[in-house]
C-alpha atoms as a PDB file:
ATOM      1  CA  ILE A   1      10.142  53.837 -30.833  1.00  0.00           C
ATOM      2  CA  ASP A   2      10.801  50.928 -33.173  1.00  0.00           C
ATOM      3  CA  LYS A   3      13.225  49.458 -30.649  1.00  0.00           C
ATOM      4  CA  MET A   4      10.661  49.926 -27.886  1.00  0.00           C
ATOM      5  CA  ASP A   5       8.132  48.032 -30.011  1.00  0.00           C
ATOM      6  CA  GLY A   6      10.578  45.146 -30.406  1.00  0.00           C
ATOM      7  CA  LYS A   7      11.543  45.591 -34.041  1.00  0.00           C
ATOM      8  CA  GLY A   8      14.900  44.195 -35.065  1.00  0.00           C
ATOM      9  CA  GLY A   9      14.865  41.679 -32.240  1.00  0.00           C
ATOM     10  CA  TRP A  10      15.033  44.254 -29.430  1.00  0.00           C
ATOM     11  CA  SER A  11      13.779  42.865 -26.120  1.00  0.00           C
ATOM     12  CA  LYS A  12      12.318  44.990 -23.326  1.00  0.00           C
ATOM     13  CA  GLN A  13      15.426  44.313 -21.251  1.00  0.00           C
ATOM     14  CA  LYS A  14      17.767  45.465 -24.043  1.00  0.00           C
ATOM     15  CA  PHE A  15      15.619  48.560 -24.674  1.00  0.00           C
ATOM     16  CA  PHE A  16      15.810  49.586 -21.005  1.00  0.00           C
ATOM     17  CA  ASN A  17      19.566  48.939 -20.847  1.00  0.00           C
ATOM     18  CA  GLU A  18      20.727  50.367 -24.183  1.00  0.00           C
ATOM     19  CA  VAL A  19      18.230  53.154 -24.940  1.00  0.00           C
ATOM     20  CA  LEU A  20      16.963  54.387 -21.576  1.00  0.00           C
ATOM     21  CA  GLY A  21      20.133  53.596 -19.656  1.00  0.00           C
ATOM     22  CA  GLU A  22      18.113  51.918 -16.921  1.00  0.00           C
ATOM     23  CA  SER A  23      18.954  48.594 -15.262  1.00  0.00           C
ATOM     24  CA  ALA A  24      16.376  45.957 -16.076  1.00  0.00           C
ATOM     25  CA  ASP A  25      18.492  42.937 -15.156  1.00  0.00           C
ATOM     26  CA  LEU A  26      17.799  42.439 -11.450  1.00  0.00           C
ATOM     27  CA  GLY A  27      14.121  41.607 -11.805  1.00  0.00           C
ATOM     28  CA  LEU A  28      14.867  39.191 -14.648  1.00  0.00           C
ATOM     29  CA  LYS A  29      17.510  37.189 -12.794  1.00  0.00           C
ATOM     30  CA  LEU A  30      16.306  33.783 -11.645  1.00  0.00           C
ATOM     31  CA  VAL A  31      18.922  33.761  -8.870  1.00  0.00           C
ATOM     32  CA  THR A  32      20.664  36.718  -7.196  1.00  0.00           C
ATOM     33  CA  ILE A  33      23.901  36.934  -5.225  1.00  0.00           C
ATOM     34  CA  THR A  34      21.811  37.209  -2.056  1.00  0.00           C
ATOM     35  CA  ASP A  35      20.085  33.911  -2.927  1.00  0.00           C
ATOM     36  CA  ILE A  36      23.450  32.197  -3.488  1.00  0.00           C
ATOM     37  CA  GLN A  37      24.856  33.538  -0.228  1.00  0.00           C
ATOM     38  CA  ALA A  38      21.768  32.390   1.685  1.00  0.00           C
ATOM     39  CA  ALA A  39      22.079  28.886   0.219  1.00  0.00           C
ATOM     40  CA  SER A  40      25.823  28.627   0.943  1.00  0.00           C
ATOM     41  CA  GLN A  41      25.372  27.002   4.359  1.00  0.00           C
ATOM     42  CA  LEU A  42      27.648  23.968   4.059  1.00  0.00           C
ATOM     43  CA  GLY A  43      31.349  23.566   4.850  1.00  0.00           C
ATOM     44  CA  PRO A  44      34.277  24.945   2.830  1.00  0.00           C
ATOM     45  CA  ASN A  45      34.507  23.939  -0.821  1.00  0.00           C
ATOM     46  CA  ASN A  46      37.326  21.503  -0.099  1.00  0.00           C
ATOM     47  CA  TYR A  47      37.364  18.082  -1.767  1.00  0.00           C
ATOM     48  CA  SER A  48      39.037  16.165   1.066  1.00  0.00           C
ATOM     49  CA  ALA A  49      36.560  17.499   3.629  1.00  0.00           C
ATOM     50  CA  ALA A  50      33.641  16.946   1.265  1.00  0.00           C
ATOM     51  CA  ILE A  51      34.280  13.184   1.085  1.00  0.00           C
ATOM     52  CA  ASP A  52      33.278  12.620   4.720  1.00  0.00           C
ATOM     53  CA  ARG A  53      30.278  14.947   4.483  1.00  0.00           C
ATOM     54  CA  LEU A  54      29.036  13.298   1.310  1.00  0.00           C
ATOM     55  CA  ARG A  55      29.224   9.787   2.727  1.00  0.00           C
ATOM     56  CA  LYS A  56      26.649  10.811   5.336  1.00  0.00           C
ATOM     57  CA  CYS A  57      24.115  11.419   2.560  1.00  0.00           C
ATOM     58  CA  ARG A  58      21.753   8.588   1.674  1.00  0.00           C
ATOM     59  CA  VAL A  59      22.000   9.107  -2.120  1.00  0.00           C
ATOM     60  CA  ARG A  60      25.132  10.533  -3.726  1.00  0.00           C
ATOM     61  CA  ALA A  61      25.653  11.739  -7.296  1.00  0.00           C
ATOM     62  CA  LEU A  62      28.451  13.204  -9.386  1.00  0.00           C
ATOM     63  CA  GLY A  63      27.143  15.684 -11.969  1.00  0.00           C
ATOM     64  CA  VAL A  64      29.219  16.954 -14.889  1.00  0.00           C
ATOM     65  CA  ASP A  65      28.539  19.633 -17.482  1.00  0.00           C
ATOM     66  CA  TRP A  66      31.137  19.142 -20.197  1.00  0.00           C
ATOM     67  CA  GLY A  67      32.782  22.005 -22.034  1.00  0.00           C
ATOM     68  CA  GLY A  68      36.050  23.098 -23.523  1.00  0.00           C
ATOM     69  CA  GLY A  69      38.210  26.066 -24.383  1.00  0.00           C
ATOM     70  CA  GLY A  70      36.595  29.260 -23.273  1.00  0.00           C
ATOM     71  CA  MET A  71      38.050  32.692 -22.660  1.00  0.00           C
ATOM     72  CA  ASN A  72      41.295  33.065 -20.701  1.00  0.00           C
ATOM     73  CA  GLU A  73      41.879  29.306 -20.959  1.00  0.00           C
ATOM     74  CA  ILE A  74      39.009  28.626 -18.561  1.00  0.00           C
ATOM     75  CA  SER A  75      37.166  25.417 -19.341  1.00  0.00           C
ATOM     76  CA  TYR A  76      33.410  25.296 -19.204  1.00  0.00           C
ATOM     77  CA  THR A  77      33.527  21.762 -17.758  1.00  0.00           C
ATOM     78  CA  THR A  78      32.067  22.006 -14.268  1.00  0.00           C
ATOM     79  CA  VAL A  79      31.678  19.308 -11.632  1.00  0.00           C
ATOM     80  CA  ALA A  80      29.305  18.987  -8.669  1.00  0.00           C
ATOM     81  CA  LEU A  81      29.419  16.353  -5.923  1.00  0.00           C
ATOM     82  CA  THR A  82      25.965  16.255  -4.400  1.00  0.00           C
ATOM     83  CA  GLY A  83      23.930  14.198  -1.959  1.00  0.00           C
ATOM     84  CA  LEU A  84      20.438  13.831  -0.533  1.00  0.00           C
ATOM     85  CA  ASN A  85      20.386  14.429   3.228  1.00  0.00           C
ATOM     86  CA  GLU A  86      17.733  12.108   4.653  1.00  0.00           C
ATOM     87  CA  TYR A  87      17.594  13.992   7.964  1.00  0.00           C
ATOM     88  CA  ASN A  88      16.475  17.344   6.571  1.00  0.00           C
ATOM     89  CA  GLY A  89      15.256  16.269   3.116  1.00  0.00           C
ATOM     90  CA  LYS A  90      17.551  18.765   1.392  1.00  0.00           C
ATOM     91  CA  TYR A  91      19.840  18.292  -1.583  1.00  0.00           C
ATOM     92  CA  GLU A  92      23.393  19.305  -0.699  1.00  0.00           C
ATOM     93  CA  CYS A  93      26.247  20.211  -3.023  1.00  0.00           C
ATOM     94  CA  HIS A  94      29.344  19.636  -0.912  1.00  0.00           C
ATOM     95  CA  TYR A  95      31.957  20.273  -3.593  1.00  0.00           C
ATOM     96  CA  CYS A  96      32.054  22.012  -6.980  1.00  0.00           C
ATOM     97  CA  GLU A  97      34.916  22.605  -9.380  1.00  0.00           C
ATOM     98  CA  ARG A  98      35.644  24.012 -12.836  1.00  0.00           C
ATOM     99  CA  PHE A  99      38.406  22.255 -14.738  1.00  0.00           C
ATOM    100  CA  HIS A 100      41.179  24.236 -16.420  1.00  0.00           C
ATOM    101  CA  ALA A 101      41.237  24.190 -20.208  1.00  0.00           C
ATOM    102  CA  GLY A 102      44.699  22.613 -20.215  1.00  0.00           C
ATOM    103  CA  ILE A 103      43.368  19.324 -18.850  1.00  0.00           C
ATOM    104  CA  THR A 104      43.068  16.502 -21.399  1.00  0.00           C
ATOM    105  CA  HIS A 105      40.033  14.278 -21.883  1.00  0.00           C
ATOM    106  CA  ASP A 106      41.983  11.356 -20.418  1.00  0.00           C
ATOM    107  CA  GLU A 107      42.869  13.347 -17.302  1.00  0.00           C
ATOM    108  CA  GLU A 108      39.269  14.536 -16.942  1.00  0.00           C
ATOM    109  CA  ALA A 109      38.033  10.948 -17.064  1.00  0.00           C
ATOM    110  CA  ARG A 110      40.667   9.749 -14.567  1.00  0.00           C
ATOM    111  CA  ARG A 111      39.945  12.522 -12.068  1.00  0.00           C
ATOM    112  CA  LEU A 112      36.169  12.140 -12.294  1.00  0.00           C
ATOM    113  CA  LEU A 113      36.366   8.387 -11.828  1.00  0.00           C
ATOM    114  CA  THR A 114      38.468   8.990  -8.707  1.00  0.00           C
ATOM    115  CA  TYR A 115      35.826  11.400  -7.365  1.00  0.00           C
ATOM    116  CA  PHE A 116      33.071   8.878  -8.129  1.00  0.00           C
ATOM    117  CA  ARG A 117      34.780   6.046  -6.274  1.00  0.00           C
ATOM    118  CA  GLU A 118      36.198   7.950  -3.291  1.00  0.00           C
ATOM    119  CA  CYS A 119      32.847   9.595  -2.523  1.00  0.00           C
ATOM    120  CA  GLY A 120      30.899   6.368  -2.975  1.00  0.00           C
ATOM    121  CA  CYS A 121      28.573   7.903  -5.569  1.00  0.00           C
ATOM    122  CA  HIS A 122      25.512   5.997  -6.722  1.00  0.00           C
ATOM    123  CA  TRP A 123      25.033   7.931  -9.964  1.00  0.00           C
ATOM    124  CA  PHE A 124      27.053   9.738 -12.620  1.00  0.00           C
ATOM    125  CA  GLY A 125      24.925  12.321 -14.429  1.00  0.00           C
ATOM    126  CA  HIS A 126      26.167  14.271 -17.446  1.00  0.00           C
ATOM    127  CA  ASP A 127      25.092  15.955 -20.675  1.00  0.00           C
ATOM    128  CA  TYR A 128      25.236  13.098 -23.135  1.00  0.00           C
ATOM    129  CA  GLY A 129      25.871  13.898 -26.767  1.00  0.00           C
ATOM    130  CA  GLY A 130      28.675  15.554 -28.723  1.00  0.00           C
ATOM    131  CA  SER A 131      31.857  15.764 -26.660  1.00  0.00           C
ATOM    132  CA  GLY A 132      30.017  14.206 -23.709  1.00  0.00           C
ATOM    133  CA  SER A 133      29.768  10.836 -25.450  1.00  0.00           C
ATOM    134  CA  VAL A 134      33.531  10.827 -26.076  1.00  0.00           C
ATOM    135  CA  ARG A 135      34.368  11.467 -22.402  1.00  0.00           C
ATOM    136  CA  GLU A 136      31.756   8.946 -21.303  1.00  0.00           C
ATOM    137  CA  THR A 137      33.404   6.266 -23.463  1.00  0.00           C
ATOM    138  CA  LEU A 138      36.746   7.001 -21.815  1.00  0.00           C
ATOM    139  CA  MET A 139      35.208   6.657 -18.352  1.00  0.00           C
ATOM    140  CA  ILE A 140      33.478   3.380 -19.223  1.00  0.00           C
ATOM    141  CA  GLN A 141      36.777   2.005 -20.512  1.00  0.00           C
ATOM    142  CA  ALA A 142      38.399   3.156 -17.253  1.00  0.00           C
ATOM    143  CA  GLY A 143      35.908   1.148 -15.206  1.00  0.00           C
ATOM    144  CA  LEU A 144      32.755   3.272 -14.667  1.00  0.00           C
ATOM    145  CA  PRO A 145      29.760   0.851 -14.510  1.00  0.00           C
ATOM    146  CA  LEU A 146      27.330   1.444 -17.356  1.00  0.00           C
ATOM    147  CA  ASP A 147      24.301   1.013 -15.076  1.00  0.00           C
ATOM    148  CA  LYS A 148      25.467   3.940 -12.923  1.00  0.00           C
ATOM    149  CA  ILE A 149      25.405   6.459 -15.784  1.00  0.00           C
ATOM    150  CA  LEU A 150      22.535   8.905 -16.332  1.00  0.00           C
ATOM    151  CA  GLY A 151      23.015  10.524 -19.743  1.00  0.00           C
ATOM    152  CA  PHE A 152      20.912  13.622 -20.436  1.00  0.00           C
ATOM    153  CA  CYS A 153      20.129  15.222 -23.807  1.00  0.00           C
ATOM    154  CA  TYR A 154      18.854  18.781 -23.648  1.00  0.00           C
ATOM    155  CA  GLN A 155      15.573  19.913 -25.176  1.00  0.00           C
ATOM    156  CA  GLY A 156      14.458  23.521 -25.345  1.00  0.00           C
ATOM    157  CA  ARG A 157      10.921  24.838 -24.817  1.00  0.00           C
ATOM    158  CA  ALA A 158       9.174  21.475 -24.729  1.00  0.00           C
ATOM    159  CA  SER A 159       5.443  21.235 -24.107  1.00  0.00           C
ATOM    160  CA  ALA A 160       4.470  22.046 -20.525  1.00  0.00           C
ATOM    161  CA  GLN A 161       2.270  18.946 -20.642  1.00  0.00           C
ATOM    162  CA  ARG A 162       5.337  16.693 -20.735  1.00  0.00           C
ATOM    163  CA  ASP A 163       7.492  15.651 -17.812  1.00  0.00           C
ATOM    164  CA  ILE A 164      10.699  17.613 -17.272  1.00  0.00           C
ATOM    165  CA  VAL A 165      12.665  14.370 -17.672  1.00  0.00           C
ATOM    166  CA  VAL A 166      11.589  11.660 -20.137  1.00  0.00           C
ATOM    167  CA  TYR A 167      13.310   8.276 -20.381  1.00  0.00           C
ATOM    168  CA  HIS A 168      14.205   7.029 -23.871  1.00  0.00           C
ATOM    169  CA  PRO A 169      15.032   3.305 -24.130  1.00  0.00           C
ATOM    170  CA  PRO A 170      17.664   2.109 -26.627  1.00  0.00           C
ATOM    171  CA  ALA A 171      16.552   2.414 -30.243  1.00  0.00           C
ATOM    172  CA  GLN A 172      16.636  -0.634 -32.485  1.00  0.00           C
ATOM    173  CA  GLY A 173      20.206  -1.726 -33.047  1.00  0.00           C
ATOM    174  CA  GLU A 174      21.554   0.472 -30.220  1.00  0.00           C
ATOM    175  CA  ILE A 175      22.587  -0.380 -26.665  1.00  0.00           C
ATOM    176  CA  ARG A 176      22.386   3.041 -25.011  1.00  0.00           C
ATOM    177  CA  SER A 177      19.385   4.602 -23.355  1.00  0.00           C
ATOM    178  CA  TYR A 178      19.215   8.258 -22.354  1.00  0.00           C
ATOM    179  CA  TYR A 179      16.998  10.879 -20.711  1.00  0.00           C
ATOM    180  CA  MET A 180      15.523  13.857 -22.561  1.00  0.00           C
ATOM    181  CA  LEU A 181      15.712  16.902 -20.280  1.00  0.00           C
ATOM    182  CA  ASP A 182      13.563  20.017 -20.702  1.00  0.00           C
ATOM    183  CA  LYS A 183      16.438  22.428 -20.087  1.00  0.00           C
ATOM    184  CA  PRO A 184      14.535  25.733 -19.470  1.00  0.00           C
ATOM    185  CA  ARG A 185      12.059  24.172 -17.031  1.00  0.00           C
ATOM    186  CA  SER A 186      14.778  22.226 -15.235  1.00  0.00           C
ATOM    187  CA  LEU A 187      16.799  25.410 -14.693  1.00  0.00           C
ATOM    188  CA  VAL A 188      13.733  27.232 -13.372  1.00  0.00           C
ATOM    189  CA  LEU A 189      12.991  24.330 -11.003  1.00  0.00           C
ATOM    190  CA  ALA A 190      16.603  24.251  -9.764  1.00  0.00           C
ATOM    191  CA  SER A 191      16.505  28.018  -9.186  1.00  0.00           C
ATOM    192  CA  ILE A 192      13.246  27.808  -7.215  1.00  0.00           C
ATOM    193  CA  CYS A 193      14.640  24.982  -5.064  1.00  0.00           C
ATOM    194  CA  LEU A 194      17.777  27.010  -4.335  1.00  0.00           C
ATOM    195  CA  LYS A 195      15.796  30.149  -3.444  1.00  0.00           C
ATOM    196  CA  SER A 196      13.476  28.057  -1.231  1.00  0.00           C
ATOM    197  CA  GLY A 197      16.350  26.557   0.741  1.00  0.00           C
ATOM    198  CA  LEU A 198      15.876  23.027  -0.609  1.00  0.00           C
ATOM    199  CA  VAL A 199      19.290  23.093  -2.316  1.00  0.00           C
ATOM    200  CA  LEU A 200      22.356  23.988  -0.248  1.00  0.00           C
ATOM    201  CA  LEU A 201      25.792  25.034  -1.504  1.00  0.00           C
ATOM    202  CA  PRO A 202      29.336  25.091  -0.064  1.00  0.00           C
ATOM    203  CA  GLU A 203      30.616  28.053   1.932  1.00  0.00           C
ATOM    204  CA  TYR A 204      30.269  31.164  -0.229  1.00  0.00           C
ATOM    205  CA  GLU A 205      33.788  32.613  -0.509  1.00  0.00           C
ATOM    206  CA  SER A 206      35.381  29.268  -1.400  1.00  0.00           C
ATOM    207  CA  SER A 207      32.778  28.309  -4.028  1.00  0.00           C
ATOM    208  CA  LYS A 208      31.603  31.563  -5.609  1.00  0.00           C
ATOM    209  CA  HIS A 209      33.911  31.114  -8.635  1.00  0.00           C
ATOM    210  CA  VAL A 210      31.562  28.283  -9.654  1.00  0.00           C
ATOM    211  CA  THR A 211      28.233  29.050  -7.964  1.00  0.00           C
ATOM    212  CA  HIS A 212      28.120  32.525  -9.525  1.00  0.00           C
ATOM    213  CA  ASP A 213      27.230  30.716 -12.760  1.00  0.00           C
ATOM    214  CA  PHE A 214      23.654  30.852 -11.440  1.00  0.00           C
ATOM    215  CA  LEU A 215      23.739  34.622 -12.045  1.00  0.00           C
ATOM    216  CA  ALA A 216      23.788  34.012 -15.800  1.00  0.00           C
ATOM    217  CA  LEU A 217      20.237  32.624 -15.700  1.00  0.00           C
ATOM    218  CA  MET A 218      17.815  35.258 -16.954  1.00  0.00           C
ATOM    219  CA  GLU A 219      14.069  35.092 -17.417  1.00  0.00           C
ATOM    220  CA  ASP A 220      13.082  35.715 -21.039  1.00  0.00           C
ATOM    221  CA  LYS A 221       9.315  35.962 -21.370  1.00  0.00           C
ATOM    222  CA  HIS A 222       7.563  35.262 -24.659  1.00  0.00           C
ATOM    223  CA  GLU A 223       4.035  36.579 -25.108  1.00  0.00           C
ATOM    224  CA  MET A 224       1.796  33.855 -26.499  1.00  0.00           C
END
């Protein structure tokens, strides 16, 4: 009864799973496998083929979520090559990849800069801060234009009255600006866009090793 009432940090989901032995996950998932399969309408998740498809998009961006280590030597650094299709108004991810943990920071920077140039990207978006700032420095030194970089710092549970993305100009004595991103709301918005067919993904079987990351997003309600 104490667990049902939430004592000791027990959530309703955990109570259903651990005490009652009932699945309470499906209704709490922001995105399901069916949603991912329905959104996977583009061509195979092949980089060479994605170059031509991306260049038909009016605005092109390379997005990176940095990471390192991980279980089974799988890196958490994931890459998405995306574009805005002006004909249907949809945002298309034509290629996604997760780097292996054995790759060095120098190799990461070299490969990403190659992707950026070959696909004619207009923007390079990444999580700026911590290890992200180190990799960004390497890419700038390798030739990535500073005015093409969109650095995001994550913020959790910000006021709903604020914009999801807020621009922060350089502080006194600094040269770098950045964007503060409301992470929970941005993930909810991305999930809604995917479920509504506004975001399209590569062919399912060739990309599910990356796109299944959406399945980790769970709704955690807090009574106020």
